[in-house]
Amino acid sequence: MKYGEISIDPEVMSGAPVFAGTRVHVQTLFDYIEGGDDLAEFLDDFPSVSKESALAVLEMAKKSLTTEKMLHENFA
């Protein structure tokens, strides 16, 4: 299944969400940010992920955390 720039396929990385067309876990982007690294560092380390894809995933996360409807549906 594909959700924007995120792909989930049981045959790719055991079904973990990855950046579409890559084997890079989406979680890795958040791990970098949590660890204090910036987007440029992540992109340098994972050249198969485009800046546009990374920004799109961050925008998806932002939308899921900044609207009451999404918070209620996903975290209530």
N, C-alpha and C. Protein backbone atom coordinates (compact mmCIF):
# COMPACT_ATOMS: atom_id res chain seq x y z
N MET A 1 0.84 -1.18 0.00
CA MET A 1 0.00 0.00 0.00
C MET A 1 0.89 1.24 0.00
N LYS A 2 0.40 2.27 -0.63
CA LYS A 2 1.15 3.52 -0.68
C LYS A 2 0.29 4.63 -0.09
N TYR A 3 0.91 5.39 0.80
CA TYR A 3 0.27 6.53 1.43
C TYR A 3 1.14 7.75 1.16
N GLY A 4 0.85 8.45 0.10
CA GLY A 4 1.70 9.58 -0.27
C GLY A 4 3.12 9.11 -0.52
N GLU A 5 4.05 9.60 0.25
CA GLU A 5 5.47 9.24 0.09
C GLU A 5 5.87 8.04 0.94
N ILE A 6 4.89 7.39 1.57
CA ILE A 6 5.17 6.24 2.43
C ILE A 6 4.61 4.99 1.79
N SER A 7 5.41 3.95 1.81
CA SER A 7 5.00 2.66 1.26
C SER A 7 5.08 1.60 2.34
N ILE A 8 4.09 0.72 2.35
CA ILE A 8 4.09 -0.42 3.27
C ILE A 8 3.85 -1.68 2.45
N ASP A 9 4.83 -2.55 2.46
CA ASP A 9 4.78 -3.79 1.69
C ASP A 9 5.39 -4.89 2.55
N PRO A 10 4.63 -5.95 2.83
CA PRO A 10 5.17 -7.01 3.68
C PRO A 10 6.47 -7.62 3.16
N GLU A 11 6.75 -7.45 1.88
CA GLU A 11 7.96 -8.02 1.30
C GLU A 11 9.14 -7.04 1.29
N VAL A 12 8.91 -5.82 1.76
CA VAL A 12 9.98 -4.81 1.84
C VAL A 12 10.16 -4.43 3.30
N MET A 13 11.33 -4.71 3.82
CA MET A 13 11.68 -4.36 5.21
C MET A 13 10.63 -4.86 6.20
N SER A 14 10.15 -6.07 5.96
CA SER A 14 9.18 -6.74 6.84
C SER A 14 7.89 -5.95 7.05
N GLY A 15 7.54 -5.11 6.08
CA GLY A 15 6.30 -4.36 6.16
C GLY A 15 6.37 -3.07 6.95
N ALA A 16 7.56 -2.68 7.37
CA ALA A 16 7.71 -1.40 8.08
C ALA A 16 7.47 -0.27 7.10
N PRO A 17 6.90 0.85 7.54
CA PRO A 17 6.73 2.00 6.65
C PRO A 17 8.08 2.52 6.18
N VAL A 18 8.22 2.63 4.86
CA VAL A 18 9.46 3.13 4.27
C VAL A 18 9.12 4.27 3.31
N PHE A 19 10.14 5.07 2.99
CA PHE A 19 9.95 6.06 1.95
C PHE A 19 9.72 5.31 0.63
N ALA A 20 8.67 5.69 -0.08
CA ALA A 20 8.30 5.00 -1.31
C ALA A 20 9.49 4.89 -2.26
N GLY A 21 9.68 3.69 -2.80
CA GLY A 21 10.76 3.45 -3.74
C GLY A 21 12.12 3.23 -3.11
N THR A 22 12.15 3.16 -1.77
CA THR A 22 13.42 2.94 -1.06
C THR A 22 13.24 1.83 -0.03
N ARG A 23 14.30 1.56 0.68
CA ARG A 23 14.25 0.63 1.81
C ARG A 23 14.58 1.39 3.11
N VAL A 24 14.37 2.70 3.08
CA VAL A 24 14.68 3.55 4.23
C VAL A 24 13.44 3.69 5.10
N HIS A 25 13.54 3.22 6.34
CA HIS A 25 12.42 3.33 7.27
C HIS A 25 12.07 4.79 7.52
N VAL A 26 10.80 5.09 7.53
CA VAL A 26 10.33 6.43 7.88
C VAL A 26 10.77 6.77 9.30
N GLN A 27 10.76 5.77 10.18
CA GLN A 27 11.17 5.97 11.57
C GLN A 27 12.57 6.57 11.66
N THR A 28 13.43 6.26 10.70
CA THR A 28 14.80 6.76 10.72
C THR A 28 14.83 8.29 10.68
N LEU A 29 13.95 8.88 9.89
CA LEU A 29 13.89 10.35 9.84
C LEU A 29 13.57 10.92 11.22
N PHE A 30 12.60 10.34 11.88
CA PHE A 30 12.23 10.83 13.21
C PHE A 30 13.32 10.56 14.24
N ASP A 31 14.02 9.45 14.08
CA ASP A 31 15.14 9.16 14.98
C ASP A 31 16.24 10.21 14.82
N TYR A 32 16.52 10.61 13.58
CA TYR A 32 17.52 11.64 13.35
C TYR A 32 17.12 12.94 14.02
N ILE A 33 15.88 13.35 13.80
CA ILE A 33 15.41 14.61 14.39
C ILE A 33 15.43 14.53 15.91
N GLU A 34 14.97 13.43 16.44
CA GLU A 34 14.97 13.24 17.90
C GLU A 34 16.39 13.29 18.46
N GLY A 35 17.33 12.80 17.69
CA GLY A 35 18.73 12.80 18.12
C GLY A 35 19.44 14.13 17.94
N GLY A 36 18.75 15.13 17.41
CA GLY A 36 19.34 16.44 17.26
C GLY A 36 19.93 16.72 15.89
N ASP A 37 19.85 15.76 14.99
CA ASP A 37 20.35 15.98 13.64
C ASP A 37 19.33 16.77 12.84
N ASP A 38 19.80 17.46 11.82
CA ASP A 38 18.86 18.21 10.98
C ASP A 38 18.53 17.42 9.72
N LEU A 39 17.60 17.95 8.96
CA LEU A 39 17.15 17.27 7.75
C LEU A 39 18.29 17.06 6.77
N ALA A 40 19.18 18.02 6.66
CA ALA A 40 20.31 17.91 5.72
C ALA A 40 21.18 16.70 6.05
N GLU A 41 21.41 16.46 7.33
CA GLU A 41 22.22 15.30 7.74
C GLU A 41 21.54 14.00 7.33
N PHE A 42 20.24 13.93 7.58
CA PHE A 42 19.47 12.74 7.18
C PHE A 42 19.58 12.52 5.67
N LEU A 43 19.35 13.58 4.90
CA LEU A 43 19.39 13.47 3.45
C LEU A 43 20.78 13.10 2.94
N ASP A 44 21.82 13.59 3.58
CA ASP A 44 23.18 13.22 3.20
C ASP A 44 23.44 11.74 3.44
N ASP A 45 22.91 11.23 4.55
CA ASP A 45 23.13 9.83 4.90
C ASP A 45 22.24 8.87 4.12
N PHE A 46 21.13 9.38 3.58
CA PHE A 46 20.18 8.53 2.84
C PHE A 46 19.84 9.20 1.51
N PRO A 47 20.78 9.18 0.56
CA PRO A 47 20.57 9.90 -0.71
C PRO A 47 19.43 9.36 -1.56
N SER A 48 18.92 8.18 -1.25
CA SER A 48 17.78 7.66 -2.02
C SER A 48 16.47 8.35 -1.63
N VAL A 49 16.48 9.11 -0.54
CA VAL A 49 15.29 9.85 -0.11
C VAL A 49 15.45 11.29 -0.58
N SER A 50 14.48 11.78 -1.32
CA SER A 50 14.54 13.17 -1.79
C SER A 50 14.09 14.11 -0.68
N LYS A 51 14.55 15.33 -0.79
CA LYS A 51 14.14 16.35 0.18
C LYS A 51 12.62 16.51 0.14
N GLU A 52 12.04 16.47 -1.04
CA GLU A 52 10.60 16.61 -1.19
C GLU A 52 9.86 15.49 -0.46
N SER A 53 10.36 14.27 -0.56
CA SER A 53 9.73 13.13 0.12
C SER A 53 9.81 13.29 1.63
N ALA A 54 10.98 13.68 2.12
CA ALA A 54 11.15 13.86 3.56
C ALA A 54 10.23 14.97 4.08
N LEU A 55 10.15 16.07 3.35
CA LEU A 55 9.27 17.16 3.76
C LEU A 55 7.80 16.74 3.72
N ALA A 56 7.44 15.93 2.73
CA ALA A 56 6.05 15.46 2.63
C ALA A 56 5.70 14.57 3.83
N VAL A 57 6.63 13.73 4.25
CA VAL A 57 6.39 12.87 5.43
C VAL A 57 6.28 13.72 6.69
N LEU A 58 7.14 14.71 6.82
CA LEU A 58 7.04 15.61 7.98
C LEU A 58 5.71 16.36 7.97
N GLU A 59 5.24 16.74 6.80
CA GLU A 59 3.95 17.43 6.69
C GLU A 59 2.81 16.47 7.09
N MET A 60 2.91 15.21 6.71
CA MET A 60 1.90 14.22 7.12
C MET A 60 1.86 14.11 8.65
N ALA A 61 3.03 14.07 9.25
CA ALA A 61 3.10 13.98 10.71
C ALA A 61 2.51 15.23 11.34
N LYS A 62 2.84 16.38 10.78
CA LYS A 62 2.32 17.63 11.30
C LYS A 62 0.79 17.65 11.25
N LYS A 63 0.24 17.24 10.13
CA LYS A 63 -1.22 17.22 9.99
C LYS A 63 -1.87 16.26 10.98
N SER A 64 -1.20 15.15 11.25
CA SER A 64 -1.80 14.17 12.17
C SER A 64 -1.73 14.63 13.61
N LEU A 65 -0.88 15.60 13.91
CA LEU A 65 -0.72 16.06 15.28
C LEU A 65 -1.27 17.45 15.54
N THR A 66 -1.79 18.09 14.51
CA THR A 66 -2.25 19.47 14.71
C THR A 66 -3.73 19.67 14.40
N THR A 67 -4.45 18.59 14.18
CA THR A 67 -5.89 18.72 14.01
C THR A 67 -6.58 17.83 15.03
N GLU A 68 -7.62 18.38 15.65
CA GLU A 68 -8.32 17.63 16.69
C GLU A 68 -8.90 16.34 16.15
N LYS A 69 -9.45 16.37 14.93
CA LYS A 69 -10.04 15.17 14.34
C LYS A 69 -9.01 14.05 14.21
N MET A 70 -7.84 14.37 13.69
CA MET A 70 -6.80 13.36 13.53
C MET A 70 -6.31 12.84 14.88
N LEU A 71 -6.14 13.75 15.84
CA LEU A 71 -5.71 13.33 17.18
C LEU A 71 -6.73 12.38 17.78
N HIS A 72 -7.98 12.72 17.66
CA HIS A 72 -9.04 11.88 18.22
C HIS A 72 -9.06 10.51 17.54
N GLU A 73 -8.98 10.49 16.20
CA GLU A 73 -9.03 9.23 15.47
C GLU A 73 -7.83 8.34 15.73
N ASN A 74 -6.67 8.94 15.95
CA ASN A 74 -5.44 8.15 16.07
C ASN A 74 -4.91 7.96 17.47
N PHE A 75 -5.28 8.83 18.39
CA PHE A 75 -4.66 8.78 19.70
C PHE A 75 -5.62 8.79 20.87
N ALA A 76 -6.90 8.86 20.62
CA ALA A 76 -7.88 8.91 21.74
C ALA A 76 -8.12 7.53 22.31
